[in-house]
Structure formats: C-alpha cells, structure tokens
Amino acid sequence: MSIIFFGTPQFAVPSLDRLIYYQEDVRLVVTQPDKVGGRGHRVIAPPVKEFAEKRKLTVVQPEDIKNPDFLKTLKDIAPEFIVVVAYGKILPPEILKIPEKGCINVHASLLPRYRGAAPVQWAIINGERETGVTTMLMDEGLDTGPILLQKKEPILMEDTSLTLSERLSQKGADLLIQTIKALRRGDITPRPQTGKPTFAPPLKKSDGLIDWNLTAIEIFNRIRGLQPWPGAYTYFRNKVLKIIKVDIEDGSGEPGRVVYKDKANLLVATREGLIRVLELQLEGKRAMDIKAFLQGTGKDIKVGESLGRVQDN
C-alpha cells in the first residue's frame, strides 16, 4: 500500500528517511514552494525537497493545496496513509478523507500541550523540563485529532530549540513507524485528547527582543528557545546585539545594566539574578565569544551602561 508524505523543514526529514528505510511505498512527497532569501536572493529549497530528490522520489510543491488538479493527483494515488510532519499548512477536509486508513501527523509535543507551529521553542521558553512527540489521526482542527502513540523526552538545561528538535525528529520518526505497524495490525485504538490544551503560536521577530525585567532564568530559557530564529536580541548603543549563549548567576542590579565587566566577562542584571554573556553577535559583525567582543567593539563598554535601544547612562 502506498503513502503520500507531506513535510517541509529538516524536522520532517528523518520521518521520510525512516519510511524509505522500511521500504514503504512513498508514492509522492508534498512540500512547500521554494523561497527566495539570504545573500544574493538565492532560491532556497525546503530540506524535505532536497532529501526526496536525492532519493529519486516524486516531489510536488503546490501553491494551493485545494487546487482541483492537485487533489486529483492525490486521489489517483489512492494512498493507504497520508503522513504529515511539519508541512506548514492545515490540510482541508478534501485531503483528510482521501487516504484509506487516515492521515497520520507527527507532532513535536505531548498533545494536547503545545498545539501549534512552534511547540519545541515554546516548551523551552516556558521552562518545561519534559516534552515529547505524538502521533495522531488528523481532523479539521489545529492538532486536535485523536492520539495514537506518544513518547516522552527530557529537556536538558543545555538544550536549544535546535538540539531538542533534532532529538525529537528522530524519536518522531521511530514513533511513526511504530504507529503505522500498529495500525496495520489493528492493535492500536485512537484516544481523544484530554486535559487542558496549551498553544505554541508561530514566532515573530519581536518575540526575540529581550525584556531585562524578566528573571535571569526566564531570559536564559528564551535565549535557548529562540534559536536559530528569530534569535534573542537587545541593543548596544542603538545597534542590534544578538545574544547567542549565556549562563546565569546570583546577584542583583538594575535590569538591563552592566554590573560587572573585565577582559573576559560581562554580567548584566535582570529582575532576579544576573546574565553572564558567553557568545553574541553585533549588527554587521560575525558571531563571537565574549572575550573577542570585549577586546574589540565592546572594549569601552562601562559598568552601569544599559543594554537597550535608548542609551541613558
């Protein structure tokens, strides 16, 4: 029986890879259209497209997934399953009813917690100690379908959204294969989601602006969760200063002000505790460790100086 795969980012690649490894008949791969961006406005293909084409799979990139010709293509395949992993659009009812045994979604949270587009990022931002992956049968809602299987995963203090996403993508791929096998055997019963849902809306660039009136641990979590995009940032003398890596320490001071500085250390006060900056990137510069910054552009930064758009030192 055949499978149609919907997916776009790197998170979806291990699931597609696992389907191929287990010799599933992936008849069609559906991914988002290429984007134009970066230096030189080059065309950027989705990771799923690049992977699928290397494996000689048929790839389509519809602008409109309700297009009659596209829908006919799906219907003509008459798939056993449609598998959806971080595709990026909500599938309409016309697609959900096409596969013989349903649409399976791999979602990077323990549903009903963190429904939405950015579950990994928001779990870290909110200071969760545990998350996981869920396979579910899709319905017309946003991550509201009945649960098939779930697998837990701890969130480590050193995790960023990149490292956690990589682990969850592998666990999700394994869970997908388990789910398909269990559905074929008939020994899995979809169960409704229970408990109060929480949500993980898409990130905006403005989410990256550091509020120094938060606590040090809250800022620490935001910096980890907001990598690689939009990234956590503040302002240094009216230039954007992206904060890439930090640690937290005890101490106090006026939020946003530098409370300690030497040739290799920079500590900034928050509402509760201090942020020790370890790696950063000033607008127009490369990313660097704090020692390089303090020996270069930031060598004359002063204790008492405020990080923010308006300098008031």
C-alpha atoms as a PDB file:
ATOM      1  CA  MET A   1       0.000   0.000   0.000  1.00  0.00           C
ATOM      2  CA  SER A   2       1.220   3.468  -0.853  1.00  0.00           C
ATOM      3  CA  ILE A   3       1.918   6.529   1.271  1.00  0.00           C
ATOM      4  CA  ILE A   4       1.851  10.232   0.451  1.00  0.00           C
ATOM      5  CA  PHE A   5       4.219  12.313   2.583  1.00  0.00           C
ATOM      6  CA  PHE A   6       3.655  15.973   3.473  1.00  0.00           C
ATOM      7  CA  GLY A   7       6.596  17.760   5.123  1.00  0.00           C
ATOM      8  CA  THR A   8       8.863  20.766   4.718  1.00  0.00           C
ATOM      9  CA  PRO A   9      11.672  21.518   7.252  1.00  0.00           C
ATOM     10  CA  GLN A  10      14.616  19.494   8.497  1.00  0.00           C
ATOM     11  CA  PHE A  11      12.450  18.154  11.340  1.00  0.00           C
ATOM     12  CA  ALA A  12      10.474  16.131   8.778  1.00  0.00           C
ATOM     13  CA  VAL A  13      13.462  14.561   7.015  1.00  0.00           C
ATOM     14  CA  PRO A  14      14.108  11.690   9.492  1.00  0.00           C
ATOM     15  CA  SER A  15      10.474  10.560   9.202  1.00  0.00           C
ATOM     16  CA  LEU A  16      10.718  10.398   5.410  1.00  0.00           C
ATOM     17  CA  ASP A  17      14.084   8.667   5.700  1.00  0.00           C
ATOM     18  CA  ARG A  18      12.620   6.067   8.051  1.00  0.00           C
ATOM     19  CA  LEU A  19       9.743   5.333   5.660  1.00  0.00           C
ATOM     20  CA  ILE A  20      12.252   4.691   2.878  1.00  0.00           C
ATOM     21  CA  TYR A  21      14.438   2.538   5.149  1.00  0.00           C
ATOM     22  CA  TYR A  22      11.460   0.333   5.993  1.00  0.00           C
ATOM     23  CA  GLN A  23      10.657   0.052   2.275  1.00  0.00           C
ATOM     24  CA  GLU A  24       7.354   1.856   2.419  1.00  0.00           C
ATOM     25  CA  ASP A  25       5.979   2.807  -0.985  1.00  0.00           C
ATOM     26  CA  VAL A  26       6.231   6.600  -0.760  1.00  0.00           C
ATOM     27  CA  ARG A  27       4.453   7.472  -3.984  1.00  0.00           C
ATOM     28  CA  LEU A  28       4.529  11.254  -3.624  1.00  0.00           C
ATOM     29  CA  VAL A  29       6.250  13.894  -1.476  1.00  0.00           C
ATOM     30  CA  VAL A  30       4.425  17.195  -0.986  1.00  0.00           C
ATOM     31  CA  THR A  31       6.393  20.148   0.346  1.00  0.00           C
ATOM     32  CA  GLN A  32       6.143  23.932   0.464  1.00  0.00           C
ATOM     33  CA  PRO A  33       7.296  26.033  -2.505  1.00  0.00           C
ATOM     34  CA  ASP A  34      10.906  27.182  -2.675  1.00  0.00           C
ATOM     35  CA  LYS A  35      11.688  30.532  -1.061  1.00  0.00           C
ATOM     36  CA  VAL A  36      13.942  33.358  -2.153  1.00  0.00           C
ATOM     37  CA  GLY A  37      16.174  34.755   0.568  1.00  0.00           C
ATOM     38  CA  GLY A  38      19.607  35.182   2.044  1.00  0.00           C
ATOM     39  CA  ARG A  39      22.507  36.977   0.460  1.00  0.00           C
ATOM     40  CA  GLY A  40      22.054  37.383  -3.270  1.00  0.00           C
ATOM     41  CA  HIS A  41      18.360  36.497  -3.001  1.00  0.00           C
ATOM     42  CA  ARG A  42      19.082  32.906  -3.912  1.00  0.00           C
ATOM     43  CA  VAL A  43      16.427  30.236  -4.212  1.00  0.00           C
ATOM     44  CA  ILE A  44      16.208  28.096  -1.072  1.00  0.00           C
ATOM     45  CA  ALA A  45      14.592  24.671  -1.411  1.00  0.00           C
ATOM     46  CA  PRO A  46      12.930  23.009   1.595  1.00  0.00           C
ATOM     47  CA  PRO A  47      15.108  20.341   3.245  1.00  0.00           C
ATOM     48  CA  VAL A  48      12.456  17.710   2.520  1.00  0.00           C
ATOM     49  CA  LYS A  49      12.592  18.508  -1.198  1.00  0.00           C
ATOM     50  CA  GLU A  50      16.381  18.237  -1.288  1.00  0.00           C
ATOM     51  CA  PHE A  51      16.313  14.917   0.561  1.00  0.00           C
ATOM     52  CA  ALA A  52      13.469  13.457  -1.523  1.00  0.00           C
ATOM     53  CA  GLU A  53      15.054  14.376  -4.849  1.00  0.00           C
ATOM     54  CA  LYS A  54      18.320  12.715  -3.809  1.00  0.00           C
ATOM     55  CA  ARG A  55      16.269   9.568  -3.159  1.00  0.00           C
ATOM     56  CA  LYS A  56      14.619   9.874  -6.601  1.00  0.00           C
ATOM     57  CA  LEU A  57      11.160  10.427  -5.122  1.00  0.00           C
ATOM     58  CA  THR A  58       8.467  12.406  -6.919  1.00  0.00           C
ATOM     59  CA  VAL A  59       8.110  15.870  -5.367  1.00  0.00           C
ATOM     60  CA  VAL A  60       5.361  18.444  -5.840  1.00  0.00           C
ATOM     61  CA  GLN A  61       5.186  21.951  -4.343  1.00  0.00           C
ATOM     62  CA  PRO A  62       1.630  23.236  -4.734  1.00  0.00           C
ATOM     63  CA  GLU A  63       0.914  26.898  -4.090  1.00  0.00           C
ATOM     64  CA  ASP A  64      -2.718  25.970  -3.427  1.00  0.00           C
ATOM     65  CA  ILE A  65      -3.416  22.596  -1.839  1.00  0.00           C
ATOM     66  CA  LYS A  66      -7.105  22.969  -2.718  1.00  0.00           C
ATOM     67  CA  ASN A  67      -6.311  23.135  -6.433  1.00  0.00           C
ATOM     68  CA  PRO A  68      -8.512  20.567  -8.250  1.00  0.00           C
ATOM     69  CA  ASP A  69      -5.611  19.174 -10.292  1.00  0.00           C
ATOM     70  CA  PHE A  70      -3.558  18.645  -7.139  1.00  0.00           C
ATOM     71  CA  LEU A  71      -6.472  16.978  -5.358  1.00  0.00           C
ATOM     72  CA  LYS A  72      -6.967  14.677  -8.355  1.00  0.00           C
ATOM     73  CA  THR A  73      -3.296  13.683  -8.189  1.00  0.00           C
ATOM     74  CA  LEU A  74      -3.736  12.632  -4.558  1.00  0.00           C
ATOM     75  CA  LYS A  75      -6.972  10.761  -5.249  1.00  0.00           C
ATOM     76  CA  ASP A  76      -5.492   8.888  -8.199  1.00  0.00           C
ATOM     77  CA  ILE A  77      -2.750   7.517  -5.938  1.00  0.00           C
ATOM     78  CA  ALA A  78      -5.413   6.216  -3.517  1.00  0.00           C
ATOM     79  CA  PRO A  79      -2.947   6.010  -0.606  1.00  0.00           C
ATOM     80  CA  GLU A  80      -3.242   3.818   2.440  1.00  0.00           C
ATOM     81  CA  PHE A  81      -1.959   6.696   4.602  1.00  0.00           C
ATOM     82  CA  ILE A  82      -1.095  10.326   4.246  1.00  0.00           C
ATOM     83  CA  VAL A  83       1.760  11.158   6.634  1.00  0.00           C
ATOM     84  CA  VAL A  84       2.175  14.785   7.701  1.00  0.00           C
ATOM     85  CA  VAL A  85       5.276  16.051   9.524  1.00  0.00           C
ATOM     86  CA  ALA A  86       5.633  19.824   9.932  1.00  0.00           C
ATOM     87  CA  TYR A  87       4.201  20.560   6.495  1.00  0.00           C
ATOM     88  CA  GLY A  88       3.258  24.123   7.391  1.00  0.00           C
ATOM     89  CA  LYS A  89      -0.385  24.289   6.311  1.00  0.00           C
ATOM     90  CA  ILE A  90      -3.599  22.866   7.734  1.00  0.00           C
ATOM     91  CA  LEU A  91      -4.958  20.194   5.413  1.00  0.00           C
ATOM     92  CA  PRO A  92      -8.535  20.782   4.209  1.00  0.00           C
ATOM     93  CA  PRO A  93     -11.280  18.153   4.570  1.00  0.00           C
ATOM     94  CA  GLU A  94     -10.924  17.257   0.886  1.00  0.00           C
ATOM     95  CA  ILE A  95      -7.449  15.884   1.594  1.00  0.00           C
ATOM     96  CA  LEU A  96      -8.153  14.384   5.022  1.00  0.00           C
ATOM     97  CA  LYS A  97     -10.733  11.992   3.579  1.00  0.00           C
ATOM     98  CA  ILE A  98      -8.543  10.706   0.724  1.00  0.00           C
ATOM     99  CA  PRO A  99      -6.390   8.006   2.409  1.00  0.00           C
ATOM    100  CA  GLU A 100      -7.911   4.623   3.151  1.00  0.00           C
ATOM    101  CA  LYS A 101      -6.694   4.495   6.761  1.00  0.00           C
ATOM    102  CA  GLY A 102      -6.364   8.168   7.605  1.00  0.00           C
ATOM    103  CA  CYS A 103      -3.869  10.999   7.861  1.00  0.00           C
ATOM    104  CA  ILE A 104      -1.141  10.483  10.469  1.00  0.00           C
ATOM    105  CA  ASN A 105       0.547  13.550  11.930  1.00  0.00           C
ATOM    106  CA  VAL A 106       3.842  13.560  13.850  1.00  0.00           C
ATOM    107  CA  HIS A 107       3.773  16.492  16.296  1.00  0.00           C
ATOM    108  CA  ALA A 108       6.668  17.652  18.490  1.00  0.00           C
ATOM    109  CA  SER A 109       4.876  17.817  21.838  1.00  0.00           C
ATOM    110  CA  LEU A 110       2.824  15.723  24.222  1.00  0.00           C
ATOM    111  CA  LEU A 111      -0.597  16.754  22.988  1.00  0.00           C
ATOM    112  CA  PRO A 112      -2.815  18.459  23.989  1.00  0.00           C
ATOM    113  CA  ARG A 113       0.073  20.587  25.270  1.00  0.00           C
ATOM    114  CA  TYR A 114       1.681  22.950  22.777  1.00  0.00           C
ATOM    115  CA  ARG A 115      -0.666  22.698  19.853  1.00  0.00           C
ATOM    116  CA  GLY A 116       0.569  24.858  17.007  1.00  0.00           C
ATOM    117  CA  ALA A 117       3.533  25.764  14.835  1.00  0.00           C
ATOM    118  CA  ALA A 118       6.369  26.161  17.366  1.00  0.00           C
ATOM    119  CA  PRO A 119       5.993  23.531  20.114  1.00  0.00           C
ATOM    120  CA  VAL A 120       9.715  22.926  20.646  1.00  0.00           C
ATOM    121  CA  GLN A 121      10.549  26.601  21.005  1.00  0.00           C
ATOM    122  CA  TRP A 122       7.718  27.414  23.405  1.00  0.00           C
ATOM    123  CA  ALA A 123       8.391  24.378  25.587  1.00  0.00           C
ATOM    124  CA  ILE A 124      11.952  25.636  26.164  1.00  0.00           C
ATOM    125  CA  ILE A 125      10.876  29.271  26.534  1.00  0.00           C
ATOM    126  CA  ASN A 126       8.348  28.275  29.186  1.00  0.00           C
ATOM    127  CA  GLY A 127      10.939  26.351  31.175  1.00  0.00           C
ATOM    128  CA  GLU A 128       9.448  22.895  30.707  1.00  0.00           C
ATOM    129  CA  ARG A 129      11.569  20.001  31.949  1.00  0.00           C
ATOM    130  CA  GLU A 130       9.919  17.455  29.655  1.00  0.00           C
ATOM    131  CA  THR A 131       8.266  17.304  26.254  1.00  0.00           C
ATOM    132  CA  GLY A 132       7.912  14.581  23.640  1.00  0.00           C
ATOM    133  CA  VAL A 133       6.359  13.531  20.353  1.00  0.00           C
ATOM    134  CA  THR A 134       2.837  12.475  19.466  1.00  0.00           C
ATOM    135  CA  THR A 135       1.358  10.632  16.523  1.00  0.00           C
ATOM    136  CA  MET A 136      -2.296  11.374  15.949  1.00  0.00           C
ATOM    137  CA  LEU A 137      -5.049  10.894  13.395  1.00  0.00           C
ATOM    138  CA  MET A 138      -5.683  14.282  11.849  1.00  0.00           C
ATOM    139  CA  ASP A 139      -9.028  16.033  11.899  1.00  0.00           C
ATOM    140  CA  GLU A 140     -10.016  19.506  10.719  1.00  0.00           C
ATOM    141  CA  GLY A 141      -8.715  21.282  13.839  1.00  0.00           C
ATOM    142  CA  LEU A 142      -5.231  22.519  14.702  1.00  0.00           C
ATOM    143  CA  ASP A 143      -3.536  19.490  16.304  1.00  0.00           C
ATOM    144  CA  THR A 144      -6.829  18.354  17.835  1.00  0.00           C
ATOM    145  CA  GLY A 145      -7.112  14.822  16.443  1.00  0.00           C
ATOM    146  CA  PRO A 146      -7.183  11.616  18.494  1.00  0.00           C
ATOM    147  CA  ILE A 147      -3.842  10.415  19.842  1.00  0.00           C
ATOM    148  CA  LEU A 148      -2.243   7.220  18.561  1.00  0.00           C
ATOM    149  CA  LEU A 149       1.129   6.981  20.360  1.00  0.00           C
ATOM    150  CA  GLN A 150       3.318   9.256  22.478  1.00  0.00           C
ATOM    151  CA  LYS A 151       6.958   9.239  23.566  1.00  0.00           C
ATOM    152  CA  LYS A 152       8.448  11.468  26.282  1.00  0.00           C
ATOM    153  CA  GLU A 153      11.773  13.307  26.059  1.00  0.00           C
ATOM    154  CA  PRO A 154      13.575  15.319  28.779  1.00  0.00           C
ATOM    155  CA  ILE A 155      14.552  18.918  28.087  1.00  0.00           C
ATOM    156  CA  LEU A 156      18.154  19.455  29.153  1.00  0.00           C
ATOM    157  CA  MET A 157      19.441  22.732  30.562  1.00  0.00           C
ATOM    158  CA  GLU A 158      21.920  22.955  27.698  1.00  0.00           C
ATOM    159  CA  ASP A 159      19.267  22.320  25.036  1.00  0.00           C
ATOM    160  CA  THR A 160      18.386  24.884  22.409  1.00  0.00           C
ATOM    161  CA  SER A 161      15.467  24.520  20.038  1.00  0.00           C
ATOM    162  CA  LEU A 162      17.972  23.141  17.508  1.00  0.00           C
ATOM    163  CA  THR A 163      19.325  20.343  19.697  1.00  0.00           C
ATOM    164  CA  LEU A 164      15.921  19.402  21.084  1.00  0.00           C
ATOM    165  CA  SER A 165      14.321  19.454  17.617  1.00  0.00           C
ATOM    166  CA  GLU A 166      16.974  17.078  16.329  1.00  0.00           C
ATOM    167  CA  ARG A 167      16.287  14.538  19.082  1.00  0.00           C
ATOM    168  CA  LEU A 168      12.529  14.854  18.717  1.00  0.00           C
ATOM    169  CA  SER A 169      12.739  14.457  14.943  1.00  0.00           C
ATOM    170  CA  GLN A 170      14.470  11.098  15.419  1.00  0.00           C
ATOM    171  CA  LYS A 171      12.041   9.967  18.119  1.00  0.00           C
ATOM    172  CA  GLY A 172       9.135  11.095  15.961  1.00  0.00           C
ATOM    173  CA  ALA A 173      10.435   9.095  13.013  1.00  0.00           C
ATOM    174  CA  ASP A 174      10.676   5.944  15.125  1.00  0.00           C
ATOM    175  CA  LEU A 175       7.223   6.568  16.574  1.00  0.00           C
ATOM    176  CA  LEU A 176       5.798   6.985  13.066  1.00  0.00           C
ATOM    177  CA  ILE A 177       6.980   3.528  12.034  1.00  0.00           C
ATOM    178  CA  GLN A 178       5.610   2.025  15.263  1.00  0.00           C
ATOM    179  CA  THR A 179       2.297   3.752  14.610  1.00  0.00           C
ATOM    180  CA  ILE A 180       1.950   2.531  11.027  1.00  0.00           C
ATOM    181  CA  LYS A 181       2.764  -1.048  12.025  1.00  0.00           C
ATOM    182  CA  ALA A 182       0.308  -0.940  14.935  1.00  0.00           C
ATOM    183  CA  LEU A 183      -2.484   0.458  12.761  1.00  0.00           C
ATOM    184  CA  ARG A 184      -1.944  -2.289  10.208  1.00  0.00           C
ATOM    185  CA  ARG A 185      -2.080  -4.925  12.930  1.00  0.00           C
ATOM    186  CA  GLY A 186      -5.213  -3.351  14.310  1.00  0.00           C
ATOM    187  CA  ASP A 187      -3.865  -3.251  17.866  1.00  0.00           C
ATOM    188  CA  ILE A 188      -3.972   0.499  18.433  1.00  0.00           C
ATOM    189  CA  THR A 189      -7.051   2.470  19.428  1.00  0.00           C
ATOM    190  CA  PRO A 190      -7.079   6.229  18.817  1.00  0.00           C
ATOM    191  CA  ARG A 191      -7.972   8.072  22.007  1.00  0.00           C
ATOM    192  CA  PRO A 192      -9.398  11.575  22.313  1.00  0.00           C
ATOM    193  CA  GLN A 193      -7.127  14.279  23.672  1.00  0.00           C
ATOM    194  CA  THR A 194      -7.869  15.009  27.316  1.00  0.00           C
ATOM    195  CA  GLY A 195      -6.759  17.771  29.631  1.00  0.00           C
ATOM    196  CA  LYS A 196      -6.449  21.490  29.106  1.00  0.00           C
ATOM    197  CA  PRO A 197      -4.672  22.351  25.852  1.00  0.00           C
ATOM    198  CA  THR A 198      -1.849  24.863  25.627  1.00  0.00           C
ATOM    199  CA  PHE A 199      -0.687  26.559  22.465  1.00  0.00           C
ATOM    200  CA  ALA A 200       2.532  27.261  20.578  1.00  0.00           C
ATOM    201  CA  PRO A 201       1.832  30.046  18.072  1.00  0.00           C
ATOM    202  CA  PRO A 202       4.283  30.937  15.296  1.00  0.00           C
ATOM    203  CA  LEU A 203       7.224  33.006  16.463  1.00  0.00           C
ATOM    204  CA  LYS A 204       7.522  36.654  15.441  1.00  0.00           C
ATOM    205  CA  LYS A 205      10.713  38.684  15.149  1.00  0.00           C
ATOM    206  CA  SER A 206       9.506  40.836  18.036  1.00  0.00           C
ATOM    207  CA  ASP A 207       9.465  37.748  20.288  1.00  0.00           C
ATOM    208  CA  GLY A 208      13.257  37.890  20.236  1.00  0.00           C
ATOM    209  CA  LEU A 209      13.584  41.264  21.983  1.00  0.00           C
ATOM    210  CA  ILE A 210      14.979  40.623  25.465  1.00  0.00           C
ATOM    211  CA  ASP A 211      12.979  42.082  28.330  1.00  0.00           C
ATOM    212  CA  TRP A 212      15.556  42.603  31.060  1.00  0.00           C
ATOM    213  CA  ASN A 213      12.736  42.907  33.601  1.00  0.00           C
ATOM    214  CA  LEU A 214      12.262  39.156  33.365  1.00  0.00           C
ATOM    215  CA  THR A 215      14.257  36.914  35.693  1.00  0.00           C
ATOM    216  CA  ALA A 216      17.637  35.527  34.671  1.00  0.00           C
ATOM    217  CA  ILE A 217      16.246  32.010  34.259  1.00  0.00           C
ATOM    218  CA  GLU A 218      13.382  33.309  32.100  1.00  0.00           C
ATOM    219  CA  ILE A 219      15.823  35.160  29.837  1.00  0.00           C
ATOM    220  CA  PHE A 220      18.118  32.118  29.758  1.00  0.00           C
ATOM    221  CA  ASN A 221      15.194  29.966  28.580  1.00  0.00           C
ATOM    222  CA  ARG A 222      14.146  32.485  25.929  1.00  0.00           C
ATOM    223  CA  ILE A 223      17.657  32.682  24.505  1.00  0.00           C
ATOM    224  CA  ARG A 224      17.776  28.877  24.211  1.00  0.00           C
ATOM    225  CA  GLY A 225      14.284  28.569  22.788  1.00  0.00           C
ATOM    226  CA  LEU A 226      14.548  31.347  20.221  1.00  0.00           C
ATOM    227  CA  GLN A 227      17.499  29.855  18.334  1.00  0.00           C
ATOM    228  CA  PRO A 228      18.039  29.985  15.427  1.00  0.00           C
ATOM    229  CA  TRP A 229      15.136  32.304  14.562  1.00  0.00           C
ATOM    230  CA  PRO A 230      14.263  34.982  15.493  1.00  0.00           C
ATOM    231  CA  GLY A 231      17.154  34.813  17.946  1.00  0.00           C
ATOM    232  CA  ALA A 232      17.237  36.732  21.222  1.00  0.00           C
ATOM    233  CA  TYR A 233      18.474  40.280  20.890  1.00  0.00           C
ATOM    234  CA  THR A 234      18.911  43.566  22.693  1.00  0.00           C
ATOM    235  CA  TYR A 235      20.533  46.859  21.686  1.00  0.00           C
ATOM    236  CA  PHE A 236      24.076  48.089  22.294  1.00  0.00           C
ATOM    237  CA  ARG A 237      24.407  51.798  21.550  1.00  0.00           C
ATOM    238  CA  ASN A 238      21.429  51.587  19.221  1.00  0.00           C
ATOM    239  CA  LYS A 239      22.768  48.615  17.262  1.00  0.00           C
ATOM    240  CA  VAL A 240      21.129  45.203  17.370  1.00  0.00           C
ATOM    241  CA  LEU A 241      23.069  42.862  19.634  1.00  0.00           C
ATOM    242  CA  LYS A 242      22.084  39.220  19.264  1.00  0.00           C
ATOM    243  CA  ILE A 243      22.699  37.207  22.430  1.00  0.00           C
ATOM    244  CA  ILE A 244      23.522  33.630  21.441  1.00  0.00           C
ATOM    245  CA  LYS A 245      24.715  31.877  24.586  1.00  0.00           C
ATOM    246  CA  VAL A 246      24.577  32.811  28.268  1.00  0.00           C
ATOM    247  CA  ASP A 247      24.794  31.423  31.760  1.00  0.00           C
ATOM    248  CA  ILE A 248      23.023  32.593  34.912  1.00  0.00           C
ATOM    249  CA  GLU A 249      24.472  33.709  38.230  1.00  0.00           C
ATOM    250  CA  ASP A 250      23.303  35.059  41.552  1.00  0.00           C
ATOM    251  CA  GLY A 251      23.416  38.807  42.015  1.00  0.00           C
ATOM    252  CA  SER A 252      21.334  41.926  41.614  1.00  0.00           C
ATOM    253  CA  GLY A 253      21.232  45.296  39.932  1.00  0.00           C
ATOM    254  CA  GLU A 254      19.044  47.487  37.781  1.00  0.00           C
ATOM    255  CA  PRO A 255      17.582  45.319  34.986  1.00  0.00           C
ATOM    256  CA  GLY A 256      19.447  45.726  31.707  1.00  0.00           C
ATOM    257  CA  ARG A 257      22.523  47.384  33.188  1.00  0.00           C
ATOM    258  CA  VAL A 258      26.046  46.013  33.090  1.00  0.00           C
ATOM    259  CA  VAL A 259      27.047  45.213  36.668  1.00  0.00           C
ATOM    260  CA  TYR A 260      30.460  43.654  36.048  1.00  0.00           C
ATOM    261  CA  LYS A 261      32.986  43.727  33.229  1.00  0.00           C
ATOM    262  CA  ASP A 262      36.598  42.699  32.761  1.00  0.00           C
ATOM    263  CA  LYS A 263      38.591  41.494  29.753  1.00  0.00           C
ATOM    264  CA  ALA A 264      36.716  38.201  29.529  1.00  0.00           C
ATOM    265  CA  ASN A 265      33.434  38.621  31.420  1.00  0.00           C
ATOM    266  CA  LEU A 266      30.250  40.642  31.058  1.00  0.00           C
ATOM    267  CA  LEU A 267      27.380  40.384  33.545  1.00  0.00           C
ATOM    268  CA  VAL A 268      24.005  42.059  33.053  1.00  0.00           C
ATOM    269  CA  ALA A 269      21.339  42.446  35.730  1.00  0.00           C
ATOM    270  CA  THR A 270      17.770  41.183  35.414  1.00  0.00           C
ATOM    271  CA  ARG A 271      14.791  41.422  37.718  1.00  0.00           C
ATOM    272  CA  GLU A 272      16.211  38.486  39.640  1.00  0.00           C
ATOM    273  CA  GLY A 273      19.737  37.220  39.075  1.00  0.00           C
ATOM    274  CA  LEU A 274      22.449  38.020  36.561  1.00  0.00           C
ATOM    275  CA  ILE A 275      23.064  37.008  32.955  1.00  0.00           C
ATOM    276  CA  ARG A 276      26.657  36.132  32.088  1.00  0.00           C
ATOM    277  CA  VAL A 277      27.019  36.673  28.336  1.00  0.00           C
ATOM    278  CA  LEU A 278      29.133  33.978  26.659  1.00  0.00           C
ATOM    279  CA  GLU A 279      28.522  34.430  22.928  1.00  0.00           C
ATOM    280  CA  LEU A 280      26.971  37.248  20.918  1.00  0.00           C
ATOM    281  CA  GLN A 281      26.759  38.931  17.534  1.00  0.00           C
ATOM    282  CA  LEU A 282      26.678  42.674  16.975  1.00  0.00           C
ATOM    283  CA  GLU A 283      24.791  44.040  13.988  1.00  0.00           C
ATOM    284  CA  GLY A 284      27.048  43.879  10.930  1.00  0.00           C
ATOM    285  CA  LYS A 285      29.599  41.632  12.654  1.00  0.00           C
ATOM    286  CA  ARG A 286      30.244  37.909  12.886  1.00  0.00           C
ATOM    287  CA  ALA A 287      29.233  35.880  15.916  1.00  0.00           C
ATOM    288  CA  MET A 288      31.977  35.822  18.563  1.00  0.00           C
ATOM    289  CA  ASP A 289      32.687  34.802  22.119  1.00  0.00           C
ATOM    290  CA  ILE A 290      32.526  37.423  24.840  1.00  0.00           C
ATOM    291  CA  LYS A 291      36.302  37.720  25.147  1.00  0.00           C
ATOM    292  CA  ALA A 292      36.669  38.689  21.477  1.00  0.00           C
ATOM    293  CA  PHE A 293      33.843  41.208  21.816  1.00  0.00           C
ATOM    294  CA  LEU A 294      35.313  42.837  24.906  1.00  0.00           C
ATOM    295  CA  GLN A 295      38.719  43.105  23.271  1.00  0.00           C
ATOM    296  CA  GLY A 296      37.203  44.676  20.152  1.00  0.00           C
ATOM    297  CA  THR A 297      33.927  46.542  19.604  1.00  0.00           C
ATOM    298  CA  GLY A 298      32.893  46.281  23.234  1.00  0.00           C
ATOM    299  CA  LYS A 299      36.212  47.158  24.839  1.00  0.00           C
ATOM    300  CA  ASP A 300      34.940  50.511  26.125  1.00  0.00           C
ATOM    301  CA  ILE A 301      31.602  49.250  27.456  1.00  0.00           C
ATOM    302  CA  LYS A 302      31.239  50.512  31.018  1.00  0.00           C
ATOM    303  CA  VAL A 303      29.792  49.140  34.230  1.00  0.00           C
ATOM    304  CA  GLY A 304      26.442  50.880  34.598  1.00  0.00           C
ATOM    305  CA  GLU A 305      25.836  51.065  30.853  1.00  0.00           C
ATOM    306  CA  SER A 306      22.367  49.995  29.790  1.00  0.00           C
ATOM    307  CA  LEU A 307      21.578  47.481  27.075  1.00  0.00           C
ATOM    308  CA  GLY A 308      18.611  48.808  25.149  1.00  0.00           C
ATOM    309  CA  ARG A 309      17.639  50.936  22.178  1.00  0.00           C
ATOM    310  CA  VAL A 310      17.935  54.228  24.070  1.00  0.00           C
ATOM    311  CA  GLN A 311      21.164  54.837  25.932  1.00  0.00           C
ATOM    312  CA  ASP A 312      20.580  56.535  29.253  1.00  0.00           C
ATOM    313  CA  ASN A 313      23.901  56.032  31.034  1.00  0.00           C
END
